[in-house]
Amino acid sequence: MAYATVEDLLHEMGMPAEDADEDTLQEKLDAAQDIIDRVTARAFEATADETRLIDCTPDMVNGRTLHIPYDLCQITTILNGDGVAVTADEYVTEPRLRTVSGGVSSLPAVRNAYPWYAITLKTSSGKAWTYDTDPEEAISITGRFAYSTTAPAAIKNACIRLADWLYQQRNDLRDRQESGVSEDGILLLMSDLPNDIQARLIPFVRV
């Protein structure tokens, strides 16, 4: 899972491939992606399904709506707390924008698509969020937990720009002792980033 490639970075830098230290450039891309994820409190790409467990408690369930404490962009399966499957035609996502194919709900790759933060059971499903024994981690969701399955163009571009900046500033960053920078020179705060990169990332910060 990578927001950008070494080839993307070389193009941005105008550096011939034969002059490049690809290991160092990849290191800067990895660092840039890590910084982006941390300062926005998000992951912007998910290439494989994973299963997460959600509590069936009053702070997570409001009537027929289950609140998801993570970004979610694809739903493969849902198992209610009683072990009964909730199928794609028995719920809607919040926001509502989604496509369904083969029983899998996916976030469309369009500009106005935002990750889902809740799942609401349809009245016609006749179902309610429930559990058998313990409400903690009762509901199972398998899918892609990220902003999208592929990083948006704005995030890809921010990653390339930040990796370029990290490369150009690599010696200065290593010597900095400010509280916002770790011992290995990785920036930890949004305010440590160049203004143009901040401007690209601020709209994506999870609140």
N, C-alpha and C. Protein backbone atom coordinates (compact mmCIF):
# COMPACT_ATOMS: atom_id res chain seq x y z
N MET A 1 0.85 -1.19 0.00
CA MET A 1 0.00 0.00 0.00
C MET A 1 0.88 1.23 0.00
N ALA A 2 0.88 1.96 -1.10
CA ALA A 2 1.72 3.15 -1.21
C ALA A 2 0.95 4.24 -1.93
N TYR A 3 1.04 5.45 -1.40
CA TYR A 3 0.34 6.57 -2.00
C TYR A 3 1.02 7.05 -3.28
N ALA A 4 2.33 6.84 -3.39
CA ALA A 4 3.09 7.28 -4.55
C ALA A 4 4.31 6.37 -4.72
N THR A 5 4.89 6.40 -5.91
CA THR A 5 6.02 5.54 -6.23
C THR A 5 7.30 6.36 -6.38
N VAL A 6 8.42 5.66 -6.39
CA VAL A 6 9.70 6.32 -6.63
C VAL A 6 9.69 7.01 -7.99
N GLU A 7 9.05 6.38 -8.97
CA GLU A 7 8.97 7.00 -10.30
C GLU A 7 8.21 8.31 -10.24
N ASP A 8 7.14 8.36 -9.46
CA ASP A 8 6.40 9.62 -9.28
C ASP A 8 7.30 10.69 -8.68
N LEU A 9 8.09 10.30 -7.68
CA LEU A 9 8.96 11.25 -6.99
C LEU A 9 10.08 11.74 -7.91
N LEU A 10 10.66 10.84 -8.69
CA LEU A 10 11.70 11.24 -9.64
C LEU A 10 11.17 12.25 -10.64
N HIS A 11 9.94 12.04 -11.10
CA HIS A 11 9.33 12.98 -12.04
C HIS A 11 9.16 14.35 -11.40
N GLU A 12 8.71 14.38 -10.14
CA GLU A 12 8.52 15.64 -9.42
C GLU A 12 9.86 16.36 -9.24
N MET A 13 10.90 15.61 -8.95
CA MET A 13 12.20 16.19 -8.67
C MET A 13 12.98 16.53 -9.93
N GLY A 14 12.55 15.97 -11.07
CA GLY A 14 13.31 16.17 -12.30
C GLY A 14 14.66 15.50 -12.26
N MET A 15 14.74 14.37 -11.55
CA MET A 15 16.01 13.67 -11.37
C MET A 15 16.06 12.45 -12.28
N PRO A 16 17.11 12.29 -13.08
CA PRO A 16 17.24 11.08 -13.90
C PRO A 16 17.34 9.84 -13.02
N ALA A 17 16.74 8.75 -13.46
CA ALA A 17 16.72 7.53 -12.66
C ALA A 17 18.13 7.03 -12.38
N GLU A 18 19.05 7.22 -13.33
CA GLU A 18 20.40 6.71 -13.13
C GLU A 18 21.16 7.47 -12.05
N ASP A 19 20.69 8.67 -11.70
CA ASP A 19 21.34 9.46 -10.65
C ASP A 19 20.70 9.26 -9.28
N ALA A 20 19.66 8.46 -9.22
CA ALA A 20 18.86 8.37 -8.00
C ALA A 20 19.34 7.28 -7.06
N ASP A 21 19.26 7.56 -5.77
CA ASP A 21 19.42 6.55 -4.73
C ASP A 21 18.00 6.10 -4.37
N GLU A 22 17.54 5.05 -5.03
CA GLU A 22 16.14 4.66 -4.91
C GLU A 22 15.78 4.24 -3.50
N ASP A 23 16.71 3.65 -2.77
CA ASP A 23 16.41 3.25 -1.39
C ASP A 23 16.12 4.48 -0.53
N THR A 24 16.92 5.54 -0.71
CA THR A 24 16.69 6.76 0.06
C THR A 24 15.38 7.41 -0.34
N LEU A 25 15.09 7.44 -1.63
CA LEU A 25 13.84 8.05 -2.09
C LEU A 25 12.63 7.27 -1.56
N GLN A 26 12.73 5.94 -1.56
CA GLN A 26 11.63 5.14 -1.02
C GLN A 26 11.46 5.39 0.47
N GLU A 27 12.58 5.56 1.17
CA GLU A 27 12.52 5.88 2.60
C GLU A 27 11.77 7.19 2.84
N LYS A 28 12.01 8.19 1.99
CA LYS A 28 11.33 9.48 2.15
C LYS A 28 9.85 9.37 1.80
N LEU A 29 9.52 8.56 0.80
CA LEU A 29 8.11 8.34 0.48
C LEU A 29 7.39 7.65 1.64
N ASP A 30 8.03 6.65 2.23
CA ASP A 30 7.43 5.95 3.37
C ASP A 30 7.24 6.91 4.54
N ALA A 31 8.25 7.76 4.79
CA ALA A 31 8.15 8.73 5.88
C ALA A 31 7.04 9.74 5.61
N ALA A 32 6.94 10.19 4.35
CA ALA A 32 5.90 11.16 3.99
C ALA A 32 4.51 10.56 4.20
N GLN A 33 4.33 9.31 3.80
CA GLN A 33 3.03 8.66 3.98
C GLN A 33 2.70 8.52 5.46
N ASP A 34 3.68 8.15 6.26
CA ASP A 34 3.47 8.01 7.70
C ASP A 34 3.08 9.35 8.32
N ILE A 35 3.75 10.42 7.93
CA ILE A 35 3.43 11.75 8.44
C ILE A 35 2.00 12.13 8.06
N ILE A 36 1.64 11.91 6.80
CA ILE A 36 0.29 12.26 6.33
C ILE A 36 -0.76 11.52 7.14
N ASP A 37 -0.56 10.23 7.36
CA ASP A 37 -1.53 9.44 8.12
C ASP A 37 -1.67 9.96 9.55
N ARG A 38 -0.54 10.35 10.15
CA ARG A 38 -0.58 10.77 11.56
C ARG A 38 -1.16 12.16 11.74
N VAL A 39 -0.80 13.10 10.87
CA VAL A 39 -1.29 14.46 11.07
C VAL A 39 -2.76 14.60 10.66
N THR A 40 -3.25 13.71 9.81
CA THR A 40 -4.67 13.74 9.44
C THR A 40 -5.50 12.76 10.25
N ALA A 41 -4.85 11.87 11.00
CA ALA A 41 -5.53 10.81 11.76
C ALA A 41 -6.35 9.91 10.84
N ARG A 42 -5.75 9.60 9.66
CA ARG A 42 -6.45 8.78 8.68
C ARG A 42 -5.47 7.89 7.93
N ALA A 43 -6.01 6.79 7.38
CA ALA A 43 -5.33 6.03 6.34
C ALA A 43 -6.10 6.29 5.05
N PHE A 44 -5.40 6.52 3.96
CA PHE A 44 -6.06 6.94 2.73
C PHE A 44 -6.16 5.85 1.68
N GLU A 45 -5.73 4.66 2.01
CA GLU A 45 -5.77 3.58 1.04
C GLU A 45 -5.85 2.26 1.77
N ALA A 46 -6.66 1.34 1.24
CA ALA A 46 -6.74 -0.01 1.80
C ALA A 46 -6.83 -0.98 0.63
N THR A 47 -5.89 -1.91 0.54
CA THR A 47 -5.84 -2.82 -0.59
C THR A 47 -6.35 -4.22 -0.25
N ALA A 48 -6.69 -4.46 1.01
CA ALA A 48 -7.18 -5.78 1.41
C ALA A 48 -8.21 -5.63 2.52
N ASP A 49 -9.10 -6.61 2.59
CA ASP A 49 -10.11 -6.63 3.66
C ASP A 49 -9.47 -6.91 5.01
N GLU A 50 -10.09 -6.38 6.04
CA GLU A 50 -9.79 -6.78 7.41
C GLU A 50 -11.10 -6.79 8.18
N THR A 51 -11.10 -7.46 9.31
CA THR A 51 -12.29 -7.55 10.14
C THR A 51 -12.08 -6.77 11.43
N ARG A 52 -13.05 -5.92 11.74
CA ARG A 52 -13.00 -5.16 12.99
C ARG A 52 -14.30 -5.40 13.76
N LEU A 53 -14.19 -5.35 15.08
CA LEU A 53 -15.32 -5.62 15.96
C LEU A 53 -15.80 -4.32 16.59
N ILE A 54 -17.11 -4.11 16.55
CA ILE A 54 -17.72 -2.89 17.05
C ILE A 54 -18.60 -3.23 18.25
N ASP A 55 -18.55 -2.40 19.28
CA ASP A 55 -19.40 -2.60 20.46
C ASP A 55 -20.86 -2.34 20.13
N CYS A 56 -21.73 -3.15 20.69
CA CYS A 56 -23.17 -2.91 20.59
C CYS A 56 -23.62 -2.25 21.89
N THR A 57 -23.17 -1.02 22.08
CA THR A 57 -23.43 -0.26 23.31
C THR A 57 -24.08 1.07 22.96
N PRO A 58 -24.69 1.74 23.93
CA PRO A 58 -25.41 2.98 23.63
C PRO A 58 -24.56 4.07 22.98
N ASP A 59 -23.26 4.07 23.23
CA ASP A 59 -22.43 5.10 22.60
C ASP A 59 -22.14 4.79 21.14
N MET A 60 -22.41 3.55 20.70
CA MET A 60 -22.17 3.17 19.31
C MET A 60 -23.46 2.93 18.54
N VAL A 61 -24.54 2.63 19.24
CA VAL A 61 -25.81 2.31 18.59
C VAL A 61 -26.86 3.33 18.99
N ASN A 62 -27.48 3.93 17.99
CA ASN A 62 -28.58 4.88 18.20
C ASN A 62 -29.76 4.42 17.36
N GLY A 63 -30.67 3.68 17.97
CA GLY A 63 -31.79 3.13 17.22
C GLY A 63 -31.29 2.11 16.20
N ARG A 64 -31.58 2.35 14.92
CA ARG A 64 -31.15 1.43 13.86
C ARG A 64 -29.78 1.79 13.30
N THR A 65 -29.12 2.82 13.85
CA THR A 65 -27.85 3.29 13.32
C THR A 65 -26.67 2.84 14.18
N LEU A 66 -25.70 2.21 13.53
CA LEU A 66 -24.46 1.78 14.17
C LEU A 66 -23.36 2.75 13.76
N HIS A 67 -22.75 3.40 14.73
CA HIS A 67 -21.67 4.35 14.44
C HIS A 67 -20.34 3.60 14.35
N ILE A 68 -19.55 3.97 13.35
CA ILE A 68 -18.27 3.32 13.09
C ILE A 68 -17.16 4.27 13.52
N PRO A 69 -16.28 3.86 14.43
CA PRO A 69 -15.23 4.77 14.92
C PRO A 69 -14.01 4.85 14.00
N TYR A 70 -14.15 4.38 12.77
CA TYR A 70 -13.07 4.42 11.80
C TYR A 70 -13.64 4.84 10.44
N ASP A 71 -12.77 5.32 9.55
CA ASP A 71 -13.18 5.49 8.17
C ASP A 71 -13.45 4.12 7.57
N LEU A 72 -14.49 4.03 6.76
CA LEU A 72 -14.86 2.76 6.12
C LEU A 72 -15.25 3.06 4.68
N CYS A 73 -14.63 2.35 3.72
CA CYS A 73 -14.91 2.64 2.31
C CYS A 73 -15.40 1.43 1.54
N GLN A 74 -15.39 0.26 2.15
CA GLN A 74 -15.94 -0.92 1.48
C GLN A 74 -16.40 -1.91 2.54
N ILE A 75 -17.58 -2.48 2.32
CA ILE A 75 -18.14 -3.47 3.25
C ILE A 75 -18.34 -4.77 2.50
N THR A 76 -17.65 -5.81 2.95
CA THR A 76 -17.81 -7.13 2.34
C THR A 76 -18.87 -7.93 3.08
N THR A 77 -18.77 -7.99 4.40
CA THR A 77 -19.77 -8.70 5.20
C THR A 77 -19.97 -7.98 6.53
N ILE A 78 -21.19 -8.13 7.07
CA ILE A 78 -21.51 -7.67 8.42
C ILE A 78 -22.18 -8.83 9.15
N LEU A 79 -21.67 -9.13 10.34
CA LEU A 79 -22.32 -10.10 11.21
C LEU A 79 -22.83 -9.37 12.44
N ASN A 80 -24.12 -9.42 12.66
CA ASN A 80 -24.72 -8.81 13.84
C ASN A 80 -24.23 -9.55 15.09
N GLY A 81 -24.49 -8.97 16.25
CA GLY A 81 -24.00 -9.55 17.49
C GLY A 81 -24.61 -10.89 17.84
N ASP A 82 -25.68 -11.27 17.15
CA ASP A 82 -26.29 -12.59 17.36
C ASP A 82 -25.79 -13.60 16.34
N GLY A 83 -24.79 -13.20 15.52
CA GLY A 83 -24.23 -14.11 14.53
C GLY A 83 -24.97 -14.15 13.21
N VAL A 84 -26.03 -13.36 13.07
CA VAL A 84 -26.82 -13.33 11.84
C VAL A 84 -26.25 -12.29 10.89
N ALA A 85 -26.09 -12.67 9.62
CA ALA A 85 -25.54 -11.76 8.62
C ALA A 85 -26.52 -10.63 8.32
N VAL A 86 -25.96 -9.44 8.10
CA VAL A 86 -26.73 -8.30 7.62
C VAL A 86 -26.29 -8.07 6.18
N THR A 87 -27.19 -8.26 5.23
CA THR A 87 -26.83 -8.18 3.82
C THR A 87 -26.91 -6.75 3.30
N ALA A 88 -26.31 -6.53 2.14
CA ALA A 88 -26.20 -5.17 1.59
C ALA A 88 -27.56 -4.54 1.31
N ASP A 89 -28.57 -5.36 1.05
CA ASP A 89 -29.90 -4.79 0.78
C ASP A 89 -30.69 -4.52 2.06
N GLU A 90 -30.06 -4.78 3.23
CA GLU A 90 -30.74 -4.56 4.51
C GLU A 90 -30.24 -3.32 5.24
N TYR A 91 -29.30 -2.60 4.65
CA TYR A 91 -28.77 -1.40 5.31
C TYR A 91 -28.46 -0.32 4.30
N VAL A 92 -28.28 0.89 4.82
CA VAL A 92 -27.73 2.00 4.04
C VAL A 92 -26.52 2.53 4.79
N THR A 93 -25.64 3.18 4.06
CA THR A 93 -24.46 3.78 4.67
C THR A 93 -24.70 5.25 4.92
N GLU A 94 -23.95 5.80 5.85
CA GLU A 94 -23.96 7.24 6.11
C GLU A 94 -22.53 7.77 5.91
N PRO A 95 -22.30 8.65 4.91
CA PRO A 95 -23.23 9.16 3.91
C PRO A 95 -23.77 8.04 3.02
N ARG A 96 -24.83 8.36 2.29
CA ARG A 96 -25.56 7.34 1.54
C ARG A 96 -24.87 6.88 0.26
N LEU A 97 -23.93 7.65 -0.26
CA LEU A 97 -23.34 7.35 -1.55
C LEU A 97 -22.58 6.02 -1.50
N ARG A 98 -23.00 5.06 -2.34
CA ARG A 98 -22.34 3.77 -2.42
C ARG A 98 -22.78 3.05 -3.68
N THR A 99 -21.99 2.06 -4.09
CA THR A 99 -22.39 1.14 -5.14
C THR A 99 -22.38 -0.26 -4.54
N VAL A 100 -23.23 -1.14 -5.06
CA VAL A 100 -23.30 -2.51 -4.56
C VAL A 100 -23.12 -3.46 -5.73
N SER A 101 -22.18 -4.39 -5.58
CA SER A 101 -21.94 -5.40 -6.61
C SER A 101 -21.57 -6.70 -5.92
N GLY A 102 -22.30 -7.75 -6.23
CA GLY A 102 -22.02 -9.05 -5.62
C GLY A 102 -22.16 -9.05 -4.12
N GLY A 103 -23.05 -8.19 -3.60
CA GLY A 103 -23.27 -8.12 -2.17
C GLY A 103 -22.25 -7.28 -1.42
N VAL A 104 -21.29 -6.69 -2.15
CA VAL A 104 -20.25 -5.85 -1.54
C VAL A 104 -20.59 -4.38 -1.78
N SER A 105 -20.60 -3.60 -0.72
CA SER A 105 -20.84 -2.16 -0.83
C SER A 105 -19.49 -1.45 -0.97
N SER A 106 -19.39 -0.56 -1.96
CA SER A 106 -18.14 0.16 -2.21
C SER A 106 -18.40 1.64 -2.34
N LEU A 107 -17.41 2.42 -1.94
CA LEU A 107 -17.47 3.87 -2.08
C LEU A 107 -17.07 4.21 -3.51
N PRO A 108 -17.92 4.92 -4.26
CA PRO A 108 -17.57 5.26 -5.65
C PRO A 108 -16.35 6.16 -5.71
N ALA A 109 -15.59 6.04 -6.77
CA ALA A 109 -14.40 6.87 -6.96
C ALA A 109 -14.78 8.18 -7.63
N VAL A 110 -15.52 9.00 -6.89
CA VAL A 110 -15.95 10.30 -7.39
C VAL A 110 -15.56 11.36 -6.38
N ARG A 111 -15.50 12.61 -6.83
CA ARG A 111 -14.98 13.70 -6.01
C ARG A 111 -15.77 13.90 -4.72
N ASN A 112 -17.09 13.72 -4.78
CA ASN A 112 -17.93 14.02 -3.62
C ASN A 112 -18.19 12.79 -2.75
N ALA A 113 -17.36 11.75 -2.89
CA ALA A 113 -17.51 10.55 -2.07
C ALA A 113 -16.65 10.66 -0.82
N TYR A 114 -17.26 10.47 0.33
CA TYR A 114 -16.55 10.55 1.60
C TYR A 114 -16.73 9.24 2.35
N PRO A 115 -15.77 8.82 3.16
CA PRO A 115 -15.87 7.53 3.85
C PRO A 115 -17.08 7.48 4.77
N TRP A 116 -17.59 6.29 4.95
CA TRP A 116 -18.78 6.11 5.78
C TRP A 116 -18.40 6.14 7.26
N TYR A 117 -19.30 6.70 8.05
CA TYR A 117 -19.09 6.78 9.49
C TYR A 117 -20.19 6.05 10.26
N ALA A 118 -21.19 5.52 9.54
CA ALA A 118 -22.29 4.82 10.22
C ALA A 118 -23.01 3.92 9.23
N ILE A 119 -23.69 2.92 9.77
CA ILE A 119 -24.51 1.99 8.99
C ILE A 119 -25.88 1.96 9.63
N THR A 120 -26.91 2.22 8.82
CA THR A 120 -28.28 2.24 9.32
C THR A 120 -29.07 1.08 8.74
N LEU A 121 -29.67 0.28 9.60
CA LEU A 121 -30.52 -0.82 9.15
C LEU A 121 -31.81 -0.27 8.55
N LYS A 122 -32.21 -0.81 7.41
CA LYS A 122 -33.49 -0.40 6.82
C LYS A 122 -34.64 -0.91 7.68
N THR A 123 -35.69 -0.12 7.72
CA THR A 123 -36.88 -0.54 8.46
C THR A 123 -37.39 -1.88 7.94
N SER A 124 -37.33 -2.06 6.62
CA SER A 124 -37.84 -3.29 6.01
C SER A 124 -37.03 -4.53 6.37
N SER A 125 -35.81 -4.34 6.90
CA SER A 125 -34.99 -5.51 7.26
C SER A 125 -35.57 -6.27 8.44
N GLY A 126 -36.33 -5.57 9.28
CA GLY A 126 -36.87 -6.21 10.47
C GLY A 126 -35.81 -6.56 11.50
N LYS A 127 -34.62 -5.98 11.33
CA LYS A 127 -33.51 -6.30 12.23
C LYS A 127 -33.17 -5.12 13.12
N ALA A 128 -32.48 -5.43 14.21
CA ALA A 128 -31.95 -4.41 15.12
C ALA A 128 -30.55 -4.83 15.51
N TRP A 129 -29.71 -3.86 15.79
CA TRP A 129 -28.37 -4.18 16.28
C TRP A 129 -28.50 -4.83 17.66
N THR A 130 -27.85 -5.97 17.83
CA THR A 130 -28.06 -6.74 19.05
C THR A 130 -26.82 -7.55 19.39
N TYR A 131 -26.88 -8.30 20.49
CA TYR A 131 -25.78 -9.18 20.89
C TYR A 131 -26.37 -10.32 21.70
N ASP A 132 -25.60 -11.40 21.82
CA ASP A 132 -26.04 -12.57 22.57
C ASP A 132 -25.62 -12.52 24.03
N THR A 133 -24.33 -12.34 24.27
CA THR A 133 -23.81 -12.42 25.64
C THR A 133 -23.24 -11.09 26.11
N ASP A 134 -22.21 -10.64 25.44
CA ASP A 134 -21.55 -9.39 25.80
C ASP A 134 -21.69 -8.37 24.68
N PRO A 135 -22.00 -7.13 25.00
CA PRO A 135 -22.11 -6.11 23.96
C PRO A 135 -20.76 -5.67 23.39
N GLU A 136 -19.70 -5.87 24.17
CA GLU A 136 -18.38 -5.44 23.71
C GLU A 136 -17.92 -6.30 22.53
N GLU A 137 -17.50 -5.62 21.46
CA GLU A 137 -16.99 -6.27 20.25
C GLU A 137 -17.97 -7.31 19.71
N ALA A 138 -19.25 -7.01 19.79
CA ALA A 138 -20.26 -7.98 19.39
C ALA A 138 -20.50 -8.02 17.88
N ILE A 139 -20.39 -6.87 17.23
CA ILE A 139 -20.73 -6.76 15.81
C ILE A 139 -19.45 -6.79 14.98
N SER A 140 -19.45 -7.64 13.95
CA SER A 140 -18.26 -7.85 13.13
C SER A 140 -18.46 -7.26 11.74
N ILE A 141 -17.52 -6.42 11.31
CA ILE A 141 -17.56 -5.85 9.97
C ILE A 141 -16.27 -6.23 9.26
N THR A 142 -16.40 -6.82 8.08
CA THR A 142 -15.25 -7.13 7.24
C THR A 142 -15.29 -6.24 6.01
N GLY A 143 -14.19 -5.55 5.76
CA GLY A 143 -14.16 -4.64 4.62
C GLY A 143 -12.86 -3.87 4.58
N ARG A 144 -12.90 -2.69 3.96
CA ARG A 144 -11.71 -1.83 3.82
C ARG A 144 -11.89 -0.61 4.72
N PHE A 145 -11.04 -0.52 5.71
CA PHE A 145 -11.13 0.57 6.69
C PHE A 145 -10.10 1.64 6.32
N ALA A 146 -10.53 2.59 5.50
CA ALA A 146 -9.66 3.67 5.04
C ALA A 146 -10.54 4.73 4.40
N TYR A 147 -9.90 5.85 4.03
CA TYR A 147 -10.63 6.94 3.36
C TYR A 147 -11.15 6.47 2.01
N SER A 148 -10.38 5.64 1.32
CA SER A 148 -10.76 5.10 0.02
C SER A 148 -9.90 3.87 -0.26
N THR A 149 -10.25 3.11 -1.29
CA THR A 149 -9.43 1.94 -1.62
C THR A 149 -8.12 2.35 -2.29
N THR A 150 -8.12 3.51 -2.95
CA THR A 150 -6.91 4.07 -3.57
C THR A 150 -6.78 5.52 -3.14
N ALA A 151 -5.60 5.93 -2.78
CA ALA A 151 -5.40 7.30 -2.28
C ALA A 151 -5.88 8.33 -3.29
N PRO A 152 -6.65 9.34 -2.84
CA PRO A 152 -7.09 10.40 -3.74
C PRO A 152 -5.90 11.12 -4.37
N ALA A 153 -6.14 11.72 -5.53
CA ALA A 153 -5.06 12.41 -6.24
C ALA A 153 -4.42 13.49 -5.37
N ALA A 154 -5.22 14.20 -4.58
CA ALA A 154 -4.68 15.27 -3.73
C ALA A 154 -3.71 14.72 -2.69
N ILE A 155 -4.00 13.54 -2.17
CA ILE A 155 -3.12 12.91 -1.18
C ILE A 155 -1.87 12.36 -1.85
N LYS A 156 -2.03 11.76 -3.02
CA LYS A 156 -0.85 11.30 -3.77
C LYS A 156 0.09 12.46 -4.04
N ASN A 157 -0.45 13.58 -4.51
CA ASN A 157 0.38 14.74 -4.81
C ASN A 157 1.04 15.31 -3.56
N ALA A 158 0.30 15.33 -2.44
CA ALA A 158 0.87 15.81 -1.18
C ALA A 158 2.00 14.91 -0.72
N CYS A 159 1.85 13.60 -0.91
CA CYS A 159 2.88 12.65 -0.52
C CYS A 159 4.16 12.86 -1.34
N ILE A 160 3.99 13.07 -2.64
CA ILE A 160 5.15 13.31 -3.50
C ILE A 160 5.85 14.60 -3.10
N ARG A 161 5.07 15.65 -2.91
CA ARG A 161 5.64 16.95 -2.54
C ARG A 161 6.36 16.87 -1.19
N LEU A 162 5.75 16.19 -0.22
CA LEU A 162 6.35 16.07 1.10
C LEU A 162 7.62 15.22 1.06
N ALA A 163 7.60 14.13 0.29
CA ALA A 163 8.79 13.30 0.16
C ALA A 163 9.94 14.08 -0.47
N ASP A 164 9.63 14.89 -1.48
CA ASP A 164 10.63 15.75 -2.11
C ASP A 164 11.22 16.70 -1.07
N TRP A 165 10.35 17.31 -0.28
CA TRP A 165 10.80 18.27 0.74
C TRP A 165 11.66 17.57 1.80
N LEU A 166 11.23 16.39 2.24
CA LEU A 166 12.02 15.64 3.22
C LEU A 166 13.40 15.29 2.67
N TYR A 167 13.44 14.95 1.39
CA TYR A 167 14.73 14.62 0.77
C TYR A 167 15.63 15.85 0.72
N GLN A 168 15.07 16.98 0.31
CA GLN A 168 15.87 18.20 0.19
C GLN A 168 16.34 18.69 1.55
N GLN A 169 15.54 18.43 2.60
CA GLN A 169 15.85 18.94 3.93
C GLN A 169 16.46 17.87 4.84
N ARG A 170 16.88 16.75 4.28
CA ARG A 170 17.24 15.59 5.11
C ARG A 170 18.34 15.89 6.12
N ASN A 171 19.33 16.68 5.76
CA ASN A 171 20.41 16.98 6.71
C ASN A 171 19.95 17.95 7.79
N ASP A 172 19.17 18.98 7.39
CA ASP A 172 18.67 19.94 8.38
C ASP A 172 17.76 19.27 9.38
N LEU A 173 16.88 18.37 8.90
CA LEU A 173 15.92 17.71 9.80
C LEU A 173 16.63 16.83 10.81
N ARG A 174 17.71 16.22 10.39
CA ARG A 174 18.44 15.33 11.30
C ARG A 174 19.04 16.10 12.47
N ASP A 175 19.34 17.38 12.24
CA ASP A 175 19.98 18.18 13.27
C ASP A 175 18.99 18.92 14.17
N ARG A 176 17.70 18.92 13.82
CA ARG A 176 16.74 19.69 14.59
C ARG A 176 16.44 19.01 15.92
N GLN A 177 16.24 19.82 16.96
CA GLN A 177 15.95 19.30 18.29
C GLN A 177 14.63 19.83 18.82
N GLU A 178 13.79 20.35 17.94
CA GLU A 178 12.52 20.93 18.41
C GLU A 178 11.58 19.82 18.84
N SER A 179 10.64 20.17 19.70
CA SER A 179 9.74 19.17 20.27
C SER A 179 8.86 18.52 19.22
N GLY A 180 8.64 19.21 18.11
CA GLY A 180 7.78 18.65 17.07
C GLY A 180 8.45 17.65 16.18
N VAL A 181 9.73 17.38 16.39
CA VAL A 181 10.47 16.47 15.53
C VAL A 181 11.07 15.36 16.37
N SER A 182 10.90 14.13 15.93
CA SER A 182 11.44 13.00 16.67
C SER A 182 12.95 12.91 16.48
N GLU A 183 13.58 12.01 17.23
CA GLU A 183 15.03 11.89 17.17
C GLU A 183 15.52 11.46 15.79
N ASP A 184 14.69 10.71 15.04
CA ASP A 184 15.12 10.28 13.72
C ASP A 184 14.75 11.28 12.63
N GLY A 185 14.29 12.46 13.04
CA GLY A 185 14.05 13.51 12.06
C GLY A 185 12.68 13.49 11.42
N ILE A 186 11.75 12.71 11.94
CA ILE A 186 10.41 12.64 11.36
C ILE A 186 9.53 13.70 12.00
N LEU A 187 8.89 14.52 11.17
CA LEU A 187 8.03 15.57 11.69
C LEU A 187 6.76 14.97 12.26
N LEU A 188 6.32 15.52 13.37
CA LEU A 188 5.17 14.97 14.06
C LEU A 188 3.94 15.86 14.02
N LEU A 189 4.11 17.15 13.73
CA LEU A 189 3.01 18.10 13.83
C LEU A 189 2.69 18.71 12.47
N MET A 190 1.41 19.01 12.25
CA MET A 190 1.01 19.68 11.02
C MET A 190 1.76 20.99 10.85
N SER A 191 1.98 21.71 11.95
CA SER A 191 2.63 23.03 11.87
C SER A 191 4.09 22.95 11.45
N ASP A 192 4.69 21.76 11.50
CA ASP A 192 6.08 21.60 11.06
C ASP A 192 6.19 21.50 9.54
N LEU A 193 5.08 21.30 8.85
CA LEU A 193 5.12 21.09 7.41
C LEU A 193 5.11 22.40 6.66
N PRO A 194 5.66 22.42 5.44
CA PRO A 194 5.57 23.62 4.61
C PRO A 194 4.11 24.03 4.39
N ASN A 195 3.88 25.32 4.22
CA ASN A 195 2.51 25.85 4.13
C ASN A 195 1.71 25.22 3.01
N ASP A 196 2.34 24.99 1.86
CA ASP A 196 1.58 24.44 0.73
C ASP A 196 1.13 23.01 1.01
N ILE A 197 1.94 22.26 1.75
CA ILE A 197 1.54 20.89 2.10
C ILE A 197 0.44 20.92 3.15
N GLN A 198 0.55 21.82 4.13
CA GLN A 198 -0.53 21.97 5.10
C GLN A 198 -1.85 22.27 4.41
N ALA A 199 -1.81 23.16 3.42
CA ALA A 199 -3.04 23.54 2.72
C ALA A 199 -3.66 22.35 2.01
N ARG A 200 -2.85 21.44 1.52
CA ARG A 200 -3.38 20.25 0.85
C ARG A 200 -3.97 19.24 1.84
N LEU A 201 -3.40 19.18 3.04
CA LEU A 201 -3.80 18.15 3.99
C LEU A 201 -4.93 18.57 4.92
N ILE A 202 -5.01 19.84 5.26
CA ILE A 202 -6.00 20.29 6.25
C ILE A 202 -7.43 19.87 5.89
N PRO A 203 -7.86 19.93 4.61
CA PRO A 203 -9.23 19.50 4.31
C PRO A 203 -9.49 18.02 4.60
N PHE A 204 -8.44 17.24 4.75
CA PHE A 204 -8.60 15.80 4.96
C PHE A 204 -8.47 15.39 6.43
N VAL A 205 -8.21 16.32 7.33
CA VAL A 205 -8.02 15.97 8.73
C VAL A 205 -9.31 15.40 9.31
N ARG A 206 -9.20 14.26 9.96
CA ARG A 206 -10.37 13.63 10.59
C ARG A 206 -10.71 14.36 11.87
N VAL A 207 -11.98 14.74 12.02
CA VAL A 207 -12.42 15.48 13.21
C VAL A 207 -13.43 14.65 13.98
